[in-house]
Protein backbone atom coordinates (compact mmCIF):
# COMPACT_ATOMS: atom_id res chain seq x y z
CA MET A 1 13.19 -30.80 23.52
CA SER A 2 14.97 -28.64 25.89
CA VAL A 3 13.91 -25.05 26.51
CA SER A 4 17.02 -23.65 25.37
CA THR A 5 16.70 -25.04 21.89
CA LYS A 6 13.10 -23.86 21.36
CA LYS A 7 12.47 -21.47 18.62
CA VAL A 8 10.19 -18.43 18.39
CA ALA A 9 8.92 -16.43 15.49
CA PHE A 10 7.09 -13.04 15.22
CA PHE A 11 4.76 -11.41 13.02
CA THR A 12 3.76 -7.63 13.21
CA LEU A 13 1.29 -5.85 11.40
CA GLY A 14 0.05 -2.23 11.62
CA CYS A 15 1.43 0.81 13.69
CA LYS A 16 5.13 1.61 14.71
CA LEU A 17 3.53 1.27 18.18
CA ASN A 18 2.90 -2.66 17.46
CA PHE A 19 6.27 -3.20 16.36
CA ALA A 20 7.68 -1.59 19.75
CA GLU A 21 5.27 -3.95 21.53
CA THR A 22 6.58 -6.83 19.44
CA SER A 23 10.12 -6.01 20.16
CA THR A 24 9.20 -5.93 24.06
CA ILE A 25 7.60 -9.16 23.68
CA SER A 26 10.64 -10.68 22.08
CA ARG A 27 12.68 -9.79 24.78
CA PHE A 28 10.20 -12.13 27.03
CA PHE A 29 11.26 -15.11 25.13
CA LEU A 30 14.96 -14.37 24.34
CA GLU A 31 15.40 -13.72 28.11
CA LYS A 32 14.21 -17.64 28.52
CA ASP A 33 16.92 -18.77 26.16
CA PHE A 34 14.52 -19.02 22.81
CA ASP A 35 16.00 -18.76 19.64
CA ALA A 36 14.09 -16.27 17.37
CA VAL A 37 13.94 -17.21 13.97
CA LYS A 38 11.99 -15.74 10.70
CA PHE A 39 8.34 -15.78 10.67
CA SER A 40 9.01 -17.81 7.41
CA GLU A 41 10.82 -20.71 9.52
CA LYS A 42 9.74 -23.72 11.32
CA ALA A 43 9.29 -22.41 15.05
CA ASP A 44 7.76 -23.65 18.42
CA PHE A 45 6.03 -20.50 19.07
CA TYR A 46 4.55 -18.00 16.69
CA VAL A 47 3.39 -14.77 18.17
CA ILE A 48 1.24 -12.72 16.06
CA ASN A 49 0.74 -8.95 16.61
CA THR A 50 -2.41 -7.80 14.96
CA CYS A 51 -3.86 -4.84 13.51
CA SER A 52 -7.61 -3.89 13.04
CA VAL A 53 -7.43 -0.53 11.16
CA THR A 54 -8.93 -1.77 7.96
CA SER A 55 -10.49 -5.10 7.05
CA ASN A 56 -7.66 -5.76 4.94
CA ALA A 57 -5.57 -5.69 8.26
CA ASN A 58 -7.76 -8.49 9.60
CA LYS A 59 -7.61 -10.74 6.78
CA LYS A 60 -3.68 -10.33 6.91
CA SER A 61 -4.00 -11.20 10.71
CA ARG A 62 -5.83 -14.21 9.70
CA ASN A 63 -3.63 -15.18 6.85
CA ALA A 64 -0.43 -15.12 9.07
CA ILE A 65 -2.17 -17.27 11.62
CA SER A 66 -2.75 -19.96 8.76
CA ARG A 67 1.08 -19.56 7.37
CA ALA A 68 2.15 -20.21 11.10
CA LEU A 69 -0.04 -23.46 11.15
CA THR A 70 1.12 -24.55 7.82
CA LEU A 71 4.60 -24.16 8.90
CA ASN A 72 4.19 -26.19 12.03
CA PRO A 73 0.88 -27.49 13.01
CA GLU A 74 2.20 -28.44 16.39
CA ALA A 75 3.46 -24.92 17.04
CA VAL A 76 1.72 -22.95 20.05
CA ILE A 77 0.05 -19.89 18.19
CA ILE A 78 -0.24 -16.70 20.45
CA VAL A 79 -2.40 -13.96 18.92
CA THR A 80 -2.25 -10.37 20.65
CA GLY A 81 -3.16 -6.93 19.07
CA CYS A 82 -6.15 -4.92 18.15
CA TYR A 83 -7.80 -7.36 16.17
CA ALA A 84 -7.31 -9.92 19.02
CA GLN A 85 -9.07 -7.27 21.15
CA LEU A 86 -12.04 -6.26 19.07
CA LYS A 87 -12.77 -9.76 17.48
CA PRO A 88 -11.38 -12.73 19.81
CA ASP A 89 -14.20 -15.00 19.12
CA GLU A 90 -13.72 -14.50 15.41
CA ILE A 91 -9.97 -15.49 15.92
CA LYS A 92 -10.93 -18.50 18.55
CA ASN A 93 -12.93 -20.13 15.68
CA ILE A 94 -9.65 -20.54 13.72
CA TYR A 95 -8.23 -24.02 14.60
CA GLY A 96 -5.07 -24.21 15.94
CA VAL A 97 -4.93 -20.95 17.73
CA ASP A 98 -3.87 -21.51 21.55
CA TYR A 99 -3.77 -18.27 23.20
CA ILE A 100 -5.49 -14.80 22.51
CA PHE A 101 -4.42 -11.53 24.24
CA GLY A 102 -6.17 -8.44 23.73
CA ALA A 103 -4.26 -5.28 23.15
CA ASN A 104 -4.12 -4.37 26.96
CA ASN A 105 -2.84 -7.90 28.14
CA LYS A 106 0.38 -8.39 26.26
CA GLU A 107 2.49 -8.45 29.13
CA GLU A 108 0.48 -11.72 30.37
CA ILE A 109 2.25 -13.43 27.55
CA GLU A 110 5.47 -13.53 29.96
CA ARG A 111 3.62 -15.21 32.38
CA ILE A 112 2.50 -18.00 30.32
CA ILE A 113 5.51 -18.78 27.89
CA GLU A 114 7.12 -21.69 30.38
CA VAL A 115 3.63 -23.46 30.76
CA SER A 116 2.05 -22.87 27.18
CA ARG A 117 1.16 -25.76 25.10
CA LYS A 118 -1.30 -26.82 22.43
CA GLN A 119 -4.91 -26.86 23.27
CA GLU A 120 -7.84 -27.97 22.08
CA ASN A 121 -9.70 -24.61 22.68
CA ALA A 122 -8.09 -21.22 22.59
CA GLY A 123 -7.60 -19.25 25.95
CA VAL A 124 -8.76 -15.89 25.76
CA ILE A 125 -7.68 -12.98 27.88
CA THR A 126 -9.07 -9.49 27.19
CA THR A 127 -10.01 -6.16 28.97
CA ASP A 128 -12.62 -4.19 28.28
CA HIS A 129 -11.71 -0.68 27.03
CA LYS A 130 -13.41 0.86 29.68
CA GLU A 131 -11.29 -0.91 32.06
CA MET A 132 -8.10 -0.46 30.28
CA LYS A 133 -5.76 1.55 32.97
CA SER A 134 -2.49 -0.21 32.82
CA PHE A 135 0.48 0.87 30.55
CA PHE A 136 2.75 -1.70 28.89
CA PRO A 137 6.23 -0.02 28.24
CA ALA A 138 7.85 -0.90 24.88
CA VAL A 139 10.78 0.01 23.01
CA SER A 140 11.69 -0.93 19.22
CA LYS A 141 15.70 -1.05 18.82
CA GLY A 142 15.46 -1.77 15.07
CA ASP A 143 19.05 -2.09 13.78
CA ARG A 144 20.58 -0.42 16.94
CA THR A 145 20.85 3.02 15.96
CA ARG A 146 17.24 4.44 16.14
CA ALA A 147 14.60 3.34 18.72
CA PHE A 148 10.97 3.70 18.70
CA LEU A 149 10.06 4.80 22.31
CA LYS A 150 6.32 4.20 23.56
CA ILE A 151 5.08 6.73 25.64
CA GLN A 152 1.34 6.50 25.47
CA ASP A 153 -1.43 4.20 24.79
CA GLY A 154 -5.00 4.52 23.94
CA CYS A 155 -7.10 7.66 23.00
CA ASP A 156 -10.22 9.64 23.91
CA TYR A 157 -11.07 11.17 21.08
CA PHE A 158 -13.54 8.72 19.20
CA CYS A 159 -13.36 10.00 15.72
CA ALA A 160 -16.44 8.65 13.57
CA TYR A 161 -14.38 6.33 11.59
CA CYS A 162 -12.00 4.71 14.28
CA THR A 163 -11.84 1.79 16.65
CA ILE A 164 -8.56 2.77 18.39
CA PRO A 165 -10.76 3.78 21.53
CA TYR A 166 -12.34 0.33 21.73
CA ALA A 167 -8.98 -1.49 20.70
CA ARG A 168 -6.78 0.46 23.21
CA GLY A 169 -8.95 2.12 25.60
CA ARG A 170 -8.51 5.78 26.80
CA SER A 171 -5.54 7.77 26.76
CA ARG A 172 -3.05 7.10 29.64
CA ASN A 173 1.03 6.98 30.16
CA GLN A 174 3.63 6.33 32.26
CA THR A 175 5.30 9.51 33.95
CA ILE A 176 8.25 11.64 32.64
CA GLU A 177 10.53 10.17 35.06
CA GLU A 178 9.80 6.58 34.03
CA THR A 179 9.92 7.61 30.07
CA VAL A 180 13.41 9.48 30.64
CA ASN A 181 14.74 6.40 32.60
CA GLN A 182 13.85 4.10 29.47
CA ALA A 183 15.35 6.72 27.23
CA LYS A 184 18.64 6.51 29.31
CA SER A 185 18.75 2.78 28.93
CA VAL A 186 18.52 3.10 25.31
CA ALA A 187 21.48 5.60 25.13
CA LYS A 188 23.45 3.13 27.26
CA GLU A 189 23.08 0.78 24.56
CA GLY A 190 24.50 3.24 21.99
CA ILE A 191 21.51 4.17 20.14
CA LYS A 192 21.62 7.55 19.25
CA GLU A 193 17.97 8.55 17.97
CA ILE A 194 14.72 8.03 19.46
CA ILE A 195 11.52 8.30 17.88
CA ILE A 196 8.45 9.11 20.21
CA SER A 197 5.59 6.83 19.65
CA GLY A 198 2.00 6.55 20.91
CA VAL A 199 -1.48 6.41 19.79
CA ASN A 200 -2.03 9.88 20.38
CA ILE A 201 1.14 11.35 21.96
CA GLY A 202 0.18 15.00 22.15
CA ASP A 203 -2.13 13.98 24.65
CA PHE A 204 0.80 12.70 26.95
CA GLY A 205 0.17 13.46 30.39
CA LYS A 206 -3.28 12.88 30.86
CA SER A 207 -2.84 9.83 33.57
CA THR A 208 -0.13 11.47 35.44
CA GLY A 209 -0.99 15.35 35.58
CA GLU A 210 1.97 16.06 33.08
CA ASN A 211 2.06 17.21 29.63
CA PHE A 212 3.93 16.50 26.33
CA PHE A 213 5.98 19.73 26.31
CA ASP A 214 7.44 19.18 29.73
CA LEU A 215 8.21 15.54 28.39
CA LEU A 216 9.95 16.74 25.19
CA LYS A 217 11.91 19.12 27.34
CA ALA A 218 13.23 16.21 29.69
CA LEU A 219 14.10 13.81 26.68
CA ASN A 220 16.36 16.85 25.30
CA ASP A 221 18.23 16.61 28.51
CA VAL A 222 18.81 12.95 28.18
CA GLU A 223 22.85 12.46 27.75
CA GLY A 224 23.83 9.92 24.82
CA ILE A 225 20.51 10.45 22.98
CA GLU A 226 21.52 12.84 19.93
CA ARG A 227 18.39 12.85 17.91
CA ILE A 228 14.75 12.97 18.81
CA ARG A 229 11.87 12.75 16.35
CA ILE A 230 8.21 13.55 17.15
CA GLY A 231 5.96 10.87 16.13
CA SER A 232 2.37 11.29 14.70
CA ILE A 233 0.99 14.38 16.51
CA GLU A 234 -2.74 15.86 16.50
CA PRO A 235 -2.55 19.38 14.89
CA ASN A 236 -4.83 20.64 17.86
CA LEU A 237 -2.00 19.03 20.36
CA LEU A 238 0.73 20.81 18.30
CA THR A 239 1.00 23.95 20.37
CA ASP A 240 3.02 27.08 19.41
CA GLU A 241 5.64 26.53 22.34
CA ILE A 242 6.27 23.01 20.86
CA ILE A 243 7.06 24.24 17.49
CA SER A 244 9.35 26.76 18.66
CA PHE A 245 11.03 24.65 20.86
CA VAL A 246 11.77 22.12 17.82
CA ALA A 247 13.27 25.43 16.07
CA GLY A 248 15.46 26.30 18.76
CA HIS A 249 16.84 22.99 19.62
CA LYS A 250 19.05 21.05 17.26
CA LYS A 251 18.62 17.86 19.01
CA ILE A 252 14.84 17.77 18.27
CA MET A 253 14.65 16.80 14.40
CA PRO A 254 12.84 19.17 12.06
CA HIS A 255 10.11 16.57 11.22
CA PHE A 256 6.65 16.48 11.65
CA HIS A 257 3.85 14.27 10.99
CA ILE A 258 0.36 15.87 11.47
CA PRO A 259 -2.81 13.89 10.83
CA LEU A 260 -5.46 15.86 8.57
CA GLN A 261 -7.76 13.16 7.52
CA SER A 262 -9.94 15.40 5.44
CA GLY A 263 -9.40 18.92 3.89
CA SER A 264 -13.03 19.65 3.90
CA ASP A 265 -14.39 21.58 6.98
CA GLU A 266 -17.85 19.80 6.57
CA MET A 267 -16.02 16.25 6.57
CA LEU A 268 -13.95 17.41 9.50
CA LYS A 269 -17.03 18.41 11.67
CA MET A 270 -18.93 15.11 10.43
CA ILE A 271 -16.16 12.76 11.30
CA ASN A 272 -15.56 14.37 14.88
CA ARG A 273 -12.27 15.73 13.90
CA LYS A 274 -10.95 18.70 16.84
CA TYR A 275 -9.96 21.52 14.26
CA ASP A 276 -10.89 22.90 11.05
CA THR A 277 -8.85 23.82 7.79
CA ALA A 278 -7.92 27.09 8.41
CA PHE A 279 -6.40 26.15 11.83
CA TYR A 280 -4.51 23.14 10.18
CA LYS A 281 -3.05 25.30 7.65
CA SER A 282 -2.01 28.02 10.23
CA LYS A 283 0.24 25.15 11.73
CA ILE A 284 1.57 24.43 8.81
CA GLU A 285 2.71 27.97 7.89
CA SER A 286 4.00 28.51 11.48
CA ILE A 287 6.23 25.41 11.03
CA LYS A 288 7.55 26.55 7.70
CA GLN A 289 7.98 30.04 8.81
CA GLN A 290 10.26 29.11 11.85
CA ILE A 291 11.50 25.98 10.22
CA PRO A 292 12.06 26.47 6.56
CA GLU A 293 13.65 22.85 5.90
CA ALA A 294 11.28 20.84 8.10
CA PHE A 295 9.78 17.85 6.52
CA ILE A 296 5.95 17.37 6.99
CA GLY A 297 4.02 14.46 6.41
CA ILE A 298 0.33 14.24 6.91
CA ASP A 299 -2.27 11.49 7.12
CA LEU A 300 -5.45 11.61 4.87
CA ILE A 301 -8.63 9.32 4.56
CA VAL A 302 -10.36 8.88 1.19
CA GLY A 303 -13.75 7.87 0.64
CA VAL A 304 -15.19 8.00 4.23
CA ASN A 305 -18.99 7.35 4.05
CA GLY A 306 -20.57 10.77 3.60
CA GLU A 307 -17.71 12.02 1.26
CA THR A 308 -19.16 13.27 -1.76
CA ASP A 309 -17.47 14.34 -5.14
CA GLY A 310 -17.70 18.00 -4.19
CA LEU A 311 -16.21 17.37 -0.78
CA PHE A 312 -13.43 15.15 -2.01
CA ASP A 313 -12.63 18.05 -4.40
CA LYS A 314 -12.29 20.54 -1.51
CA THR A 315 -9.86 17.99 0.06
CA ALA A 316 -7.75 17.63 -3.05
CA LYS A 317 -7.59 21.36 -3.56
CA PHE A 318 -6.73 21.82 0.21
CA VAL A 319 -3.59 19.30 0.47
CA ASP A 320 -2.41 20.63 -2.83
CA SER A 321 -2.17 24.11 -1.35
CA LEU A 322 -0.31 23.10 1.75
CA ASN A 323 3.39 23.32 1.83
CA ILE A 324 4.16 19.76 2.65
CA SER A 325 6.17 17.01 1.98
CA PHE A 326 4.33 13.73 1.96
CA ILE A 327 0.88 12.47 2.02
CA HIS A 328 0.26 8.89 3.93
CA HIS A 329 -3.34 8.23 2.67
CA PHE A 330 -5.60 5.08 2.74
CA GLN A 331 -8.78 4.03 1.40
CA TYR A 332 -11.78 4.28 4.27
CA SER A 333 -12.99 0.60 5.62
CA GLU A 334 -15.87 0.60 7.42
CA ARG A 335 -15.22 -0.57 11.29
CA GLU A 336 -18.37 -1.83 13.15
CA ASN A 337 -19.43 0.25 16.25
CA THR A 338 -18.30 3.38 14.67
CA ARG A 339 -20.76 6.15 13.72
CA ALA A 340 -19.41 6.59 10.10
CA VAL A 341 -20.75 3.17 9.17
CA ASN A 342 -24.29 4.93 8.91
CA PHE A 343 -22.96 7.94 7.14
CA THR A 344 -24.58 8.32 3.43
CA PRO A 345 -23.68 8.39 0.56
CA LYS A 346 -21.21 5.30 0.48
CA VAL A 347 -18.30 5.78 -1.64
CA SER A 348 -17.89 2.72 -4.30
CA PRO A 349 -14.49 0.90 -4.41
CA GLN A 350 -14.12 2.20 -7.82
CA GLN A 351 -14.59 5.58 -6.53
CA LYS A 352 -12.15 5.45 -3.73
CA GLN A 353 -9.40 4.09 -6.09
CA LYS A 354 -9.94 6.77 -8.19
CA ARG A 355 -9.69 9.42 -5.30
CA ALA A 356 -6.62 7.68 -3.80
CA GLY A 357 -5.00 7.83 -7.24
CA ILE A 358 -5.59 11.67 -7.34
CA ILE A 359 -3.99 11.85 -3.88
CA THR A 360 -1.00 9.92 -4.72
CA GLU A 361 -0.44 12.25 -7.52
CA ILE A 362 -0.62 15.33 -5.36
CA SER A 363 2.05 13.36 -2.80
CA ASP A 364 4.33 12.46 -5.34
CA LYS A 365 4.42 15.94 -6.54
CA LYS A 366 4.86 17.42 -3.18
CA HIS A 367 7.58 14.75 -2.46
CA ARG A 368 9.59 15.49 -5.51
CA GLU A 369 9.33 19.09 -4.85
CA PHE A 370 10.75 19.09 -1.31
CA MET A 371 13.59 16.71 -2.25
CA GLN A 372 14.44 18.60 -5.13
CA SER A 373 14.64 21.76 -3.05
CA GLN A 374 17.15 20.05 -0.75
CA ILE A 375 19.75 19.48 -3.56
CA GLY A 376 23.17 21.20 -2.83
CA LYS A 377 22.52 21.79 0.86
CA ASN A 378 24.56 20.16 3.69
CA PHE A 379 22.88 18.18 6.58
CA LYS A 380 24.05 15.57 9.14
CA VAL A 381 22.89 11.72 8.55
CA LEU A 382 22.83 9.06 10.94
CA PHE A 383 23.90 5.92 9.19
CA GLU A 384 22.15 2.48 9.63
CA SER A 385 23.86 -0.63 9.78
CA SER A 386 21.91 -2.62 6.91
CA ARG A 387 23.84 -3.22 3.64
CA LYS A 388 22.25 -3.65 0.35
CA ASN A 389 23.92 -3.91 -3.06
CA ASN A 390 27.19 -2.61 -1.29
CA LYS A 391 25.25 0.55 -0.43
CA MET A 392 24.26 1.99 3.05
CA SER A 393 21.51 4.57 4.12
CA GLY A 394 20.39 6.76 6.69
CA PHE A 395 18.28 9.74 7.23
CA THR A 396 18.75 13.64 7.46
CA GLU A 397 17.57 15.76 10.35
CA ASN A 398 14.54 16.50 8.05
CA TYR A 399 13.98 13.02 7.06
CA ILE A 400 15.45 12.48 3.79
CA LYS A 401 16.54 9.09 2.94
CA VAL A 402 19.80 9.12 1.53
CA GLU A 403 22.45 6.44 0.34
CA THR A 404 26.11 6.03 -0.41
CA ALA A 405 28.73 3.21 -0.79
CA TYR A 406 28.83 1.06 2.42
CA ASN A 407 31.58 1.92 4.97
CA LYS A 408 31.46 0.12 8.36
CA ALA A 409 33.22 3.11 9.89
CA LEU A 410 29.97 5.16 9.19
CA VAL A 411 27.50 2.68 11.09
CA ASN A 412 26.11 4.39 13.72
CA GLN A 413 27.32 7.63 13.15
CA ILE A 414 26.01 11.23 12.57
CA THR A 415 27.90 12.20 9.41
CA GLU A 416 27.97 15.60 7.78
CA VAL A 417 26.97 15.33 4.05
CA LYS A 418 25.88 17.25 0.99
CA ILE A 419 22.79 16.26 -1.05
CA THR A 420 23.79 15.83 -4.68
CA GLY A 421 20.92 14.31 -6.57
CA PHE A 422 18.36 11.56 -6.58
CA ALA A 423 19.27 7.88 -6.28
CA ASP A 424 15.15 7.08 -6.83
CA LYS A 425 12.06 9.04 -6.28
CA ASP A 426 12.34 8.50 -2.64
CA THR A 427 16.34 8.38 -2.01
CA MET A 428 19.09 11.03 -2.74
CA THR A 429 22.82 10.73 -3.31
CA ILE A 430 25.12 12.54 -1.22
CA THR A 431 28.65 13.40 -1.06
CA VAL A 432 30.22 12.68 2.60
CA LEU A 433 32.12 15.88 3.75
């Protein structure tokens, strides 16, 4: 079989950063004349970019490896990502895996594509988290209307429940100039929106003597990029000048995602977060005062070891008091080598499930109230290319998903619309103006 007919399939778990990195890895193969196929199809190479944020993510990663081997036992299996970084020996014991690359070794994949073959024993290339100094640039271009632009990697925070500093190393980034050049390349391809992505984006500049606010200003000046979204940003790094800049510049979307993790001051201190609830609430209030239409999503963990019923009740009451639009929550999963493993009392699976249900109810209420408040207002929507049931969709500036009858002329166009009602609980109907 010639190189030009070889097929490669990709499977990605976890965060938007992983998806951006998989997109970049895929270009390594496409530039060598591989054909990309769906992960459900037979391929010569399978690349599995793993996550390890929970034990369930580890399990999904192993299942993906098994599926690939079932589809083609002779395929070259390449495993990378956070699970590969943290548990390479565990993956090496899975029969059929050929290459394991740690989270900071993804660019090595490009070097072995032409020589890689089935092996009796998996080759392992990882870098100790203390030695991770290089930066792997990545862009995920999705459906060619929006791009996730990786600006930063790693984290210095060492929260008590989290393995990211061990999986991705310390905070580091490329320069503002390099990042702006990437954004210009994206613009040349006709992509109109970029989403700023990273592990801890507000920490941008630590390795180059720069800062996130200056990067934001530089990206705002890139011609051709018409919309910029700020990815998840820590509340202590979301400065007043950033909020004011978003309020005063229409290119920066009024859309924030701000991790909270707990609404109890006792828990925040225990898990080593860098703010308290009063500080957090002040950030939400500042955003809403300056940008009333802003969409604000938050992250929350339920059932961390040490979270008593009383502390959870404080969290539920606190998030219910916030003027937010959505809560992304997940149930705590013990991670090796983290301090939270030793916290007591332990929270039972049944208790975690119950608490998650309470947060879901609060989130659903907040989301519906926010969506309801936008009916009758005019927005600008960037329509995407995908077509389903003869409908097309896109997002308003403040991250409301809308749909309308498919019209090819609207694809990748920023179009003024009026919100008219609910299509379903997560999507709004519109009139195109």
